Amino acid sequence: MVETPGLRTHIATIGEGDPVVLLHGFPEHWWQWRAIAPIIAARGYRVICPDLRGAGWTEADNPQIDRESRLRDLLALLDILGIERADVVSHDMGVITAMQLCYDHPERVRTAVQLAVPPAFFAFSPKIVPGFRHLPRFIWHRPDASLRGIFSEAYVARPLSEATVDANLAPLRRPDIDQAVRPLTRGMILPEAVRMMVGVYRRRRLTVPTLIVYGRRDHPWTEPVLERICRNPERYADHVEFAYVEGAAHFITDDAPAEVADLALGWFDRAA
């Protein structure tokens, strides 16, 4: 547990060397990286997997969450851990925080790998609307309502065991984590999504080398769709590339952990 003002952040770490920060998605926590962190650590990195505000075993004094709450938390965490610059890998909701870090504090990020989320400079297309079909259940989440459906075959290429789903959802048995579902969605995801939709990030420049990774079975985020909504990336970024993993869907870290680790390690070596 790492203490910063108003927050006690639970982190899992493995390895020694240059820092790599892994930011989990939703409704997951540090355990999402259980098969990926050891592979990265074995290549000589210190891997840090925090439970972000409103997830896992992290405890917050204030239940309110705004668009940049997690960004401020992450900056405070990096400072107290003495990390000036790190490679950052993120998935799903964790990408929002990683993206904010890359745009607002690029000096803190060596390279970035973002999983299952398009770059912030994407252009809206009706073809991507089904990609947000899960949001209503988070916006109007009721206390104790089950989120098991998010791990259905619509989001995974390989069915997850009941034990794996239970482990992912275990922190939601804590009232403060269950009650954070609405604030995370309404306070962070929706405002940031609106900023993307109206083109805020198309008027900024991404200077951090960034790899966007999708599973081939993550619909509607197919390669043709991503090419359509991310035309001419050089207009908005110094160095962005796309990669696609066979036999993987939205929860790519469960479907293809070895492939994700290999792509990340290759990007660290090649892009920096």
C-alpha atoms as a PDB file:
ATOM      1  CA  MET A   1       0.000   0.000   0.000  1.00  0.00           C
ATOM      2  CA  VAL A   2       1.432   3.385  -1.027  1.00  0.00           C
ATOM      3  CA  GLU A   3       0.173   6.484   0.772  1.00  0.00           C
ATOM      4  CA  THR A   4      -0.439   9.688  -1.149  1.00  0.00           C
ATOM      5  CA  PRO A   5      -2.717  12.573  -0.107  1.00  0.00           C
ATOM      6  CA  GLY A   6      -6.240  11.223   0.260  1.00  0.00           C
ATOM      7  CA  LEU A   7      -5.409   7.839  -1.235  1.00  0.00           C
ATOM      8  CA  ARG A   8      -3.909   4.507  -0.251  1.00  0.00           C
ATOM      9  CA  THR A   9      -2.947   2.802  -3.495  1.00  0.00           C
ATOM     10  CA  HIS A  10      -2.524  -0.949  -3.613  1.00  0.00           C
ATOM     11  CA  ILE A  11       0.198  -1.973  -6.042  1.00  0.00           C
ATOM     12  CA  ALA A  12       1.702  -5.267  -7.157  1.00  0.00           C
ATOM     13  CA  THR A  13       5.290  -5.235  -8.371  1.00  0.00           C
ATOM     14  CA  ILE A  14       7.706  -7.720  -9.883  1.00  0.00           C
ATOM     15  CA  GLY A  15      11.236  -7.501 -11.264  1.00  0.00           C
ATOM     16  CA  GLU A  16      14.087  -5.034 -11.224  1.00  0.00           C
ATOM     17  CA  GLY A  17      15.240  -2.519 -13.811  1.00  0.00           C
ATOM     18  CA  ASP A  18      13.684   0.298 -15.802  1.00  0.00           C
ATOM     19  CA  PRO A  19      10.060   0.915 -14.751  1.00  0.00           C
ATOM     20  CA  VAL A  20       7.018  -0.295 -16.667  1.00  0.00           C
ATOM     21  CA  VAL A  21       3.591   0.769 -15.393  1.00  0.00           C
ATOM     22  CA  LEU A  22       0.564  -1.386 -16.257  1.00  0.00           C
ATOM     23  CA  LEU A  23      -2.847   0.295 -15.943  1.00  0.00           C
ATOM     24  CA  HIS A  24      -5.788  -2.092 -15.723  1.00  0.00           C
ATOM     25  CA  GLY A  25      -9.168  -1.834 -17.382  1.00  0.00           C
ATOM     26  CA  PHE A  26     -12.684  -2.207 -15.984  1.00  0.00           C
ATOM     27  CA  PRO A  27     -13.995  -4.050 -14.053  1.00  0.00           C
ATOM     28  CA  GLU A  28     -10.527  -5.441 -13.428  1.00  0.00           C
ATOM     29  CA  HIS A  29      -7.610  -4.574 -11.164  1.00  0.00           C
ATOM     30  CA  TRP A  30      -3.881  -5.369 -10.843  1.00  0.00           C
ATOM     31  CA  TRP A  31      -4.576  -9.090 -11.269  1.00  0.00           C
ATOM     32  CA  GLN A  32      -5.380  -8.453 -14.945  1.00  0.00           C
ATOM     33  CA  TRP A  33      -1.616  -8.450 -15.560  1.00  0.00           C
ATOM     34  CA  ARG A  34      -0.865 -11.738 -13.748  1.00  0.00           C
ATOM     35  CA  ALA A  35       0.321 -13.507 -16.931  1.00  0.00           C
ATOM     36  CA  ILE A  36       1.916 -10.452 -18.571  1.00  0.00           C
ATOM     37  CA  ALA A  37       3.894  -8.772 -15.790  1.00  0.00           C
ATOM     38  CA  PRO A  38       6.213 -11.775 -15.190  1.00  0.00           C
ATOM     39  CA  ILE A  39       7.114 -11.963 -18.894  1.00  0.00           C
ATOM     40  CA  ILE A  40       8.022  -8.282 -18.996  1.00  0.00           C
ATOM     41  CA  ALA A  41       9.918  -8.516 -15.700  1.00  0.00           C
ATOM     42  CA  ALA A  42      11.945 -11.457 -17.018  1.00  0.00           C
ATOM     43  CA  ARG A  43      13.365  -9.121 -19.663  1.00  0.00           C
ATOM     44  CA  GLY A  44      14.914  -6.882 -17.018  1.00  0.00           C
ATOM     45  CA  TYR A  45      12.122  -4.472 -16.108  1.00  0.00           C
ATOM     46  CA  ARG A  46      10.545  -3.390 -12.836  1.00  0.00           C
ATOM     47  CA  VAL A  47       6.820  -3.848 -13.430  1.00  0.00           C
ATOM     48  CA  ILE A  48       4.347  -1.853 -11.351  1.00  0.00           C
ATOM     49  CA  CYS A  49       0.638  -2.700 -11.392  1.00  0.00           C
ATOM     50  CA  PRO A  50      -1.457  -0.245  -9.343  1.00  0.00           C
ATOM     51  CA  ASP A  51      -5.091  -0.622  -8.470  1.00  0.00           C
ATOM     52  CA  LEU A  52      -6.465   2.674  -9.756  1.00  0.00           C
ATOM     53  CA  ARG A  53      -8.910   4.799  -7.766  1.00  0.00           C
ATOM     54  CA  GLY A  54     -12.267   3.028  -7.541  1.00  0.00           C
ATOM     55  CA  ALA A  55     -10.811  -0.425  -8.252  1.00  0.00           C
ATOM     56  CA  GLY A  56      -9.099  -3.325  -6.543  1.00  0.00           C
ATOM     57  CA  TRP A  57      -7.883  -2.749  -2.990  1.00  0.00           C
ATOM     58  CA  THR A  58      -7.073   0.941  -3.293  1.00  0.00           C
ATOM     59  CA  GLU A  59      -8.818   3.128  -0.709  1.00  0.00           C
ATOM     60  CA  ALA A  60      -9.862   6.742  -1.265  1.00  0.00           C
ATOM     61  CA  ASP A  61     -10.889   9.260   1.396  1.00  0.00           C
ATOM     62  CA  ASN A  62     -13.216  11.032  -1.043  1.00  0.00           C
ATOM     63  CA  PRO A  63     -15.627   9.012  -3.233  1.00  0.00           C
ATOM     64  CA  GLN A  64     -15.915  11.781  -5.833  1.00  0.00           C
ATOM     65  CA  ILE A  65     -14.168  11.207  -9.164  1.00  0.00           C
ATOM     66  CA  ASP A  66     -13.617  13.742 -11.909  1.00  0.00           C
ATOM     67  CA  ARG A  67     -12.047  13.543 -15.347  1.00  0.00           C
ATOM     68  CA  GLU A  68      -8.477  13.761 -14.078  1.00  0.00           C
ATOM     69  CA  SER A  69      -8.710  12.175 -10.614  1.00  0.00           C
ATOM     70  CA  ARG A  70      -6.813   9.083 -11.689  1.00  0.00           C
ATOM     71  CA  LEU A  71      -4.239  11.151 -13.560  1.00  0.00           C
ATOM     72  CA  ARG A  72      -3.454  13.146 -10.416  1.00  0.00           C
ATOM     73  CA  ASP A  73      -3.284   9.887  -8.472  1.00  0.00           C
ATOM     74  CA  LEU A  74      -0.868   8.374 -10.965  1.00  0.00           C
ATOM     75  CA  LEU A  75       1.414  11.413 -10.958  1.00  0.00           C
ATOM     76  CA  ALA A  76       1.529  11.368  -7.160  1.00  0.00           C
ATOM     77  CA  LEU A  77       2.284   7.641  -7.222  1.00  0.00           C
ATOM     78  CA  LEU A  78       5.119   8.046  -9.733  1.00  0.00           C
ATOM     79  CA  ASP A  79       6.589  10.835  -7.619  1.00  0.00           C
ATOM     80  CA  ILE A  80       6.542   8.905  -4.360  1.00  0.00           C
ATOM     81  CA  LEU A  81       8.025   5.834  -6.076  1.00  0.00           C
ATOM     82  CA  GLY A  82      10.765   7.984  -7.534  1.00  0.00           C
ATOM     83  CA  ILE A  83       9.832   7.207 -11.134  1.00  0.00           C
ATOM     84  CA  GLU A  84      10.682  10.061 -13.464  1.00  0.00           C
ATOM     85  CA  ARG A  85       9.837   8.240 -16.704  1.00  0.00           C
ATOM     86  CA  ALA A  86       8.298   4.886 -17.538  1.00  0.00           C
ATOM     87  CA  ASP A  87       6.959   2.738 -20.320  1.00  0.00           C
ATOM     88  CA  VAL A  88       3.173   2.574 -19.866  1.00  0.00           C
ATOM     89  CA  VAL A  89       0.858  -0.239 -20.963  1.00  0.00           C
ATOM     90  CA  SER A  90      -2.882   0.277 -20.497  1.00  0.00           C
ATOM     91  CA  HIS A  91      -6.167  -1.431 -21.263  1.00  0.00           C
ATOM     92  CA  ASP A  92      -9.766  -0.249 -21.549  1.00  0.00           C
ATOM     93  CA  MET A  93     -10.566   2.359 -18.862  1.00  0.00           C
ATOM     94  CA  GLY A  94      -6.894   2.478 -17.902  1.00  0.00           C
ATOM     95  CA  VAL A  95      -6.155   3.901 -21.346  1.00  0.00           C
ATOM     96  CA  ILE A  96      -7.944   7.126 -20.399  1.00  0.00           C
ATOM     97  CA  THR A  97      -5.438   7.805 -17.639  1.00  0.00           C
ATOM     98  CA  ALA A  98      -2.481   6.721 -19.783  1.00  0.00           C
ATOM     99  CA  MET A  99      -3.655   8.940 -22.632  1.00  0.00           C
ATOM    100  CA  GLN A 100      -4.000  11.958 -20.325  1.00  0.00           C
ATOM    101  CA  LEU A 101      -0.497  11.308 -19.015  1.00  0.00           C
ATOM    102  CA  CYS A 102       0.913  11.118 -22.552  1.00  0.00           C
ATOM    103  CA  TYR A 103      -0.691  14.369 -23.689  1.00  0.00           C
ATOM    104  CA  ASP A 104      -0.290  16.460 -20.537  1.00  0.00           C
ATOM    105  CA  HIS A 105       2.970  15.051 -19.147  1.00  0.00           C
ATOM    106  CA  PRO A 106       4.839  13.457 -22.062  1.00  0.00           C
ATOM    107  CA  GLU A 107       8.137  13.837 -20.220  1.00  0.00           C
ATOM    108  CA  ARG A 108       6.956  11.098 -17.817  1.00  0.00           C
ATOM    109  CA  VAL A 109       6.357   8.499 -20.563  1.00  0.00           C
ATOM    110  CA  ARG A 110       9.059   6.788 -22.612  1.00  0.00           C
ATOM    111  CA  THR A 111       6.685   4.717 -24.761  1.00  0.00           C
ATOM    112  CA  ALA A 112       2.997   3.794 -24.571  1.00  0.00           C
ATOM    113  CA  VAL A 113       1.051   0.686 -25.513  1.00  0.00           C
ATOM    114  CA  GLN A 114      -2.726   0.963 -25.381  1.00  0.00           C
ATOM    115  CA  LEU A 115      -4.977  -2.051 -25.666  1.00  0.00           C
ATOM    116  CA  ALA A 116      -8.509  -2.192 -27.074  1.00  0.00           C
ATOM    117  CA  VAL A 117      -9.037   1.599 -27.227  1.00  0.00           C
ATOM    118  CA  PRO A 118      -8.462   3.793 -30.311  1.00  0.00           C
ATOM    119  CA  PRO A 119      -6.093   6.760 -30.222  1.00  0.00           C
ATOM    120  CA  ALA A 120      -7.637   9.905 -28.785  1.00  0.00           C
ATOM    121  CA  PHE A 121      -7.499  11.656 -32.176  1.00  0.00           C
ATOM    122  CA  PHE A 122      -9.919   9.236 -33.845  1.00  0.00           C
ATOM    123  CA  ALA A 123     -12.775  10.640 -35.910  1.00  0.00           C
ATOM    124  CA  PHE A 124     -16.305   9.557 -35.074  1.00  0.00           C
ATOM    125  CA  SER A 125     -18.103   7.102 -37.351  1.00  0.00           C
ATOM    126  CA  PRO A 126     -21.513   5.441 -36.862  1.00  0.00           C
ATOM    127  CA  LYS A 127     -19.716   2.122 -37.341  1.00  0.00           C
ATOM    128  CA  ILE A 128     -18.177   2.372 -33.873  1.00  0.00           C
ATOM    129  CA  VAL A 129     -21.433   2.955 -31.976  1.00  0.00           C
ATOM    130  CA  PRO A 130     -21.792  -0.762 -31.062  1.00  0.00           C
ATOM    131  CA  GLY A 131     -18.409  -0.484 -29.375  1.00  0.00           C
ATOM    132  CA  PHE A 132     -20.050   1.498 -26.581  1.00  0.00           C
ATOM    133  CA  ARG A 133     -22.970  -0.865 -25.969  1.00  0.00           C
ATOM    134  CA  HIS A 134     -21.688  -1.704 -22.488  1.00  0.00           C
ATOM    135  CA  LEU A 135     -21.740   1.877 -21.148  1.00  0.00           C
ATOM    136  CA  PRO A 136     -25.436   2.140 -20.146  1.00  0.00           C
ATOM    137  CA  ARG A 137     -25.091  -0.612 -17.562  1.00  0.00           C
ATOM    138  CA  PHE A 138     -22.224   1.334 -15.966  1.00  0.00           C
ATOM    139  CA  ILE A 139     -23.926   4.746 -16.159  1.00  0.00           C
ATOM    140  CA  TRP A 140     -26.980   3.414 -14.312  1.00  0.00           C
ATOM    141  CA  HIS A 141     -25.234   0.757 -12.259  1.00  0.00           C
ATOM    142  CA  ARG A 142     -27.230  -0.237  -9.186  1.00  0.00           C
ATOM    143  CA  PRO A 143     -25.575  -1.329  -5.944  1.00  0.00           C
ATOM    144  CA  ASP A 144     -24.868  -5.073  -5.962  1.00  0.00           C
ATOM    145  CA  ALA A 145     -25.899  -5.422  -9.632  1.00  0.00           C
ATOM    146  CA  SER A 146     -23.822  -8.137 -11.286  1.00  0.00           C
ATOM    147  CA  LEU A 147     -21.208  -7.192 -13.882  1.00  0.00           C
ATOM    148  CA  ARG A 148     -20.512 -10.782 -14.922  1.00  0.00           C
ATOM    149  CA  GLY A 149     -22.032 -10.110 -18.334  1.00  0.00           C
ATOM    150  CA  ILE A 150     -19.091  -7.939 -19.314  1.00  0.00           C
ATOM    151  CA  PHE A 151     -17.021 -11.122 -19.517  1.00  0.00           C
ATOM    152  CA  SER A 152     -19.463 -12.760 -21.941  1.00  0.00           C
ATOM    153  CA  GLU A 153     -18.546 -14.158 -25.364  1.00  0.00           C
ATOM    154  CA  ALA A 154     -19.184 -10.707 -26.854  1.00  0.00           C
ATOM    155  CA  TYR A 155     -15.990  -9.491 -25.182  1.00  0.00           C
ATOM    156  CA  VAL A 156     -13.739 -12.546 -24.923  1.00  0.00           C
ATOM    157  CA  ALA A 157     -12.542 -14.935 -27.606  1.00  0.00           C
ATOM    158  CA  ARG A 158     -11.860 -17.693 -25.100  1.00  0.00           C
ATOM    159  CA  PRO A 159     -14.429 -18.286 -22.338  1.00  0.00           C
ATOM    160  CA  LEU A 160     -13.125 -17.342 -18.903  1.00  0.00           C
ATOM    161  CA  SER A 161     -13.484 -19.782 -16.049  1.00  0.00           C
ATOM    162  CA  GLU A 162     -15.897 -18.943 -13.256  1.00  0.00           C
ATOM    163  CA  ALA A 163     -12.915 -18.647 -10.914  1.00  0.00           C
ATOM    164  CA  THR A 164     -11.273 -16.070 -13.186  1.00  0.00           C
ATOM    165  CA  VAL A 165     -14.441 -13.991 -13.414  1.00  0.00           C
ATOM    166  CA  ASP A 166     -14.861 -14.227  -9.639  1.00  0.00           C
ATOM    167  CA  ALA A 167     -11.299 -13.000  -9.116  1.00  0.00           C
ATOM    168  CA  ASN A 168     -11.831 -10.035 -11.451  1.00  0.00           C
ATOM    169  CA  LEU A 169     -15.040  -9.029  -9.699  1.00  0.00           C
ATOM    170  CA  ALA A 170     -13.967  -9.756  -6.109  1.00  0.00           C
ATOM    171  CA  PRO A 171     -13.248  -6.111  -5.134  1.00  0.00           C
ATOM    172  CA  LEU A 172     -16.790  -5.122  -6.114  1.00  0.00           C
ATOM    173  CA  ARG A 173     -17.954  -6.837  -2.941  1.00  0.00           C
ATOM    174  CA  ARG A 174     -16.528  -3.775  -1.181  1.00  0.00           C
ATOM    175  CA  PRO A 175     -19.271  -1.095  -1.071  1.00  0.00           C
ATOM    176  CA  ASP A 176     -16.843   1.739  -1.927  1.00  0.00           C
ATOM    177  CA  ILE A 177     -15.668  -0.038  -5.072  1.00  0.00           C
ATOM    178  CA  ASP A 178     -19.204  -0.969  -6.129  1.00  0.00           C
ATOM    179  CA  GLN A 179     -20.310   2.621  -5.559  1.00  0.00           C
ATOM    180  CA  ALA A 180     -17.417   3.918  -7.705  1.00  0.00           C
ATOM    181  CA  VAL A 181     -18.832   2.402 -10.932  1.00  0.00           C
ATOM    182  CA  ARG A 182     -21.171   5.343 -11.596  1.00  0.00           C
ATOM    183  CA  PRO A 183     -18.671   8.107 -10.701  1.00  0.00           C
ATOM    184  CA  LEU A 184     -15.977   6.521 -12.871  1.00  0.00           C
ATOM    185  CA  THR A 185     -18.334   6.329 -15.829  1.00  0.00           C
ATOM    186  CA  ARG A 186     -20.034   9.678 -15.376  1.00  0.00           C
ATOM    187  CA  GLY A 187     -17.125  11.669 -14.016  1.00  0.00           C
ATOM    188  CA  MET A 188     -14.260  10.342 -16.129  1.00  0.00           C
ATOM    189  CA  ILE A 189     -15.332   8.227 -19.101  1.00  0.00           C
ATOM    190  CA  LEU A 190     -18.220  10.300 -20.454  1.00  0.00           C
ATOM    191  CA  PRO A 191     -16.476  13.703 -20.254  1.00  0.00           C
ATOM    192  CA  GLU A 192     -13.346  12.305 -21.879  1.00  0.00           C
ATOM    193  CA  ALA A 193     -15.383  10.529 -24.552  1.00  0.00           C
ATOM    194  CA  VAL A 194     -17.114  13.808 -25.398  1.00  0.00           C
ATOM    195  CA  ARG A 195     -13.735  15.530 -25.719  1.00  0.00           C
ATOM    196  CA  MET A 196     -12.619  12.863 -28.168  1.00  0.00           C
ATOM    197  CA  MET A 197     -15.846  13.002 -30.156  1.00  0.00           C
ATOM    198  CA  VAL A 198     -15.673  16.767 -30.621  1.00  0.00           C
ATOM    199  CA  GLY A 199     -12.058  16.601 -31.748  1.00  0.00           C
ATOM    200  CA  VAL A 200     -10.166  18.090 -28.805  1.00  0.00           C
ATOM    201  CA  TYR A 201      -7.268  15.719 -29.351  1.00  0.00           C
ATOM    202  CA  ARG A 202      -7.242  16.297 -33.085  1.00  0.00           C
ATOM    203  CA  ARG A 203      -6.120  19.829 -32.220  1.00  0.00           C
ATOM    204  CA  ARG A 204      -3.278  18.568 -30.035  1.00  0.00           C
ATOM    205  CA  ARG A 205      -0.171  16.553 -30.827  1.00  0.00           C
ATOM    206  CA  LEU A 206       0.784  13.186 -29.373  1.00  0.00           C
ATOM    207  CA  THR A 207       4.557  13.105 -29.004  1.00  0.00           C
ATOM    208  CA  VAL A 208       4.914   9.831 -27.067  1.00  0.00           C
ATOM    209  CA  PRO A 209       5.594   6.809 -29.335  1.00  0.00           C
ATOM    210  CA  THR A 210       2.344   4.837 -29.064  1.00  0.00           C
ATOM    211  CA  LEU A 211       1.320   1.352 -30.172  1.00  0.00           C
ATOM    212  CA  ILE A 212      -2.419   0.666 -30.509  1.00  0.00           C
ATOM    213  CA  VAL A 213      -3.261  -3.035 -30.123  1.00  0.00           C
ATOM    214  CA  TYR A 214      -6.567  -4.745 -30.885  1.00  0.00           C
ATOM    215  CA  GLY A 215      -7.773  -8.310 -30.995  1.00  0.00           C
ATOM    216  CA  ARG A 216      -9.054  -9.391 -34.390  1.00  0.00           C
ATOM    217  CA  ARG A 217     -12.312 -10.505 -32.744  1.00  0.00           C
ATOM    218  CA  ASP A 218     -12.942  -7.225 -30.936  1.00  0.00           C
ATOM    219  CA  HIS A 219     -16.012  -5.991 -32.826  1.00  0.00           C
ATOM    220  CA  PRO A 220     -16.731  -3.434 -34.184  1.00  0.00           C
ATOM    221  CA  TRP A 221     -13.080  -2.374 -33.877  1.00  0.00           C
ATOM    222  CA  THR A 222     -11.885  -4.124 -37.007  1.00  0.00           C
ATOM    223  CA  GLU A 223      -8.803  -3.088 -38.944  1.00  0.00           C
ATOM    224  CA  PRO A 224     -10.838  -1.446 -41.786  1.00  0.00           C
ATOM    225  CA  VAL A 225     -12.876   0.536 -39.237  1.00  0.00           C
ATOM    226  CA  LEU A 226      -9.769   1.709 -37.378  1.00  0.00           C
ATOM    227  CA  GLU A 227      -8.119   2.699 -40.651  1.00  0.00           C
ATOM    228  CA  ARG A 228     -11.212   4.744 -41.457  1.00  0.00           C
ATOM    229  CA  ILE A 229     -11.454   6.597 -38.136  1.00  0.00           C
ATOM    230  CA  CYS A 230      -7.674   7.054 -37.757  1.00  0.00           C
ATOM    231  CA  ARG A 231      -6.726   8.300 -41.202  1.00  0.00           C
ATOM    232  CA  ASN A 232      -3.434  10.161 -41.556  1.00  0.00           C
ATOM    233  CA  PRO A 233      -2.193   9.601 -37.991  1.00  0.00           C
ATOM    234  CA  GLU A 234       0.971  11.537 -38.811  1.00  0.00           C
ATOM    235  CA  ARG A 235      -1.150  14.702 -38.716  1.00  0.00           C
ATOM    236  CA  TYR A 236      -1.830  14.182 -35.024  1.00  0.00           C
ATOM    237  CA  ALA A 237       1.076  12.145 -33.677  1.00  0.00           C
ATOM    238  CA  ASP A 238       4.829  11.821 -34.044  1.00  0.00           C
ATOM    239  CA  HIS A 239       4.849   8.016 -34.022  1.00  0.00           C
ATOM    240  CA  VAL A 240       1.773   5.815 -33.856  1.00  0.00           C
ATOM    241  CA  GLU A 241       1.470   2.248 -35.099  1.00  0.00           C
ATOM    242  CA  PHE A 242      -1.292  -0.360 -35.003  1.00  0.00           C
ATOM    243  CA  ALA A 243      -1.057  -4.081 -34.293  1.00  0.00           C
ATOM    244  CA  TYR A 244      -3.682  -6.822 -34.354  1.00  0.00           C
ATOM    245  CA  VAL A 245      -3.732 -10.104 -32.461  1.00  0.00           C
ATOM    246  CA  GLU A 246      -5.416 -13.186 -33.860  1.00  0.00           C
ATOM    247  CA  GLY A 247      -7.868 -15.078 -31.657  1.00  0.00           C
ATOM    248  CA  ALA A 248      -8.399 -12.218 -29.219  1.00  0.00           C
ATOM    249  CA  ALA A 249     -11.305  -9.914 -28.388  1.00  0.00           C
ATOM    250  CA  HIS A 250     -11.740  -6.955 -26.014  1.00  0.00           C
ATOM    251  CA  PHE A 251     -10.194  -8.698 -23.002  1.00  0.00           C
ATOM    252  CA  ILE A 252      -7.013  -9.238 -24.961  1.00  0.00           C
ATOM    253  CA  THR A 253      -4.902  -9.636 -21.827  1.00  0.00           C
ATOM    254  CA  ASP A 254      -6.832 -12.815 -21.013  1.00  0.00           C
ATOM    255  CA  ASP A 255      -7.183 -14.063 -24.583  1.00  0.00           C
ATOM    256  CA  ALA A 256      -3.544 -13.564 -25.613  1.00  0.00           C
ATOM    257  CA  PRO A 257      -1.259 -12.534 -22.714  1.00  0.00           C
ATOM    258  CA  ALA A 258       1.961 -13.825 -24.285  1.00  0.00           C
ATOM    259  CA  GLU A 259       1.273 -11.960 -27.525  1.00  0.00           C
ATOM    260  CA  VAL A 260       0.515  -8.738 -25.623  1.00  0.00           C
ATOM    261  CA  ALA A 261       3.738  -9.048 -23.637  1.00  0.00           C
ATOM    262  CA  ASP A 262       5.781  -9.704 -26.771  1.00  0.00           C
ATOM    263  CA  LEU A 263       4.256  -6.718 -28.579  1.00  0.00           C
ATOM    264  CA  ALA A 264       4.925  -4.453 -25.597  1.00  0.00           C
ATOM    265  CA  LEU A 265       8.532  -5.602 -25.221  1.00  0.00           C
ATOM    266  CA  GLY A 266       9.141  -5.184 -28.930  1.00  0.00           C
ATOM    267  CA  TRP A 267       7.702  -1.673 -28.815  1.00  0.00           C
ATOM    268  CA  PHE A 268       9.854  -0.700 -25.833  1.00  0.00           C
ATOM    269  CA  ASP A 269      12.955  -1.766 -27.782  1.00  0.00           C
ATOM    270  CA  ARG A 270      11.961  -0.367 -31.150  1.00  0.00           C
ATOM    271  CA  ALA A 271      10.087   2.857 -30.450  1.00  0.00           C
ATOM    272  CA  ALA A 272      12.150   4.442 -27.688  1.00  0.00           C
END
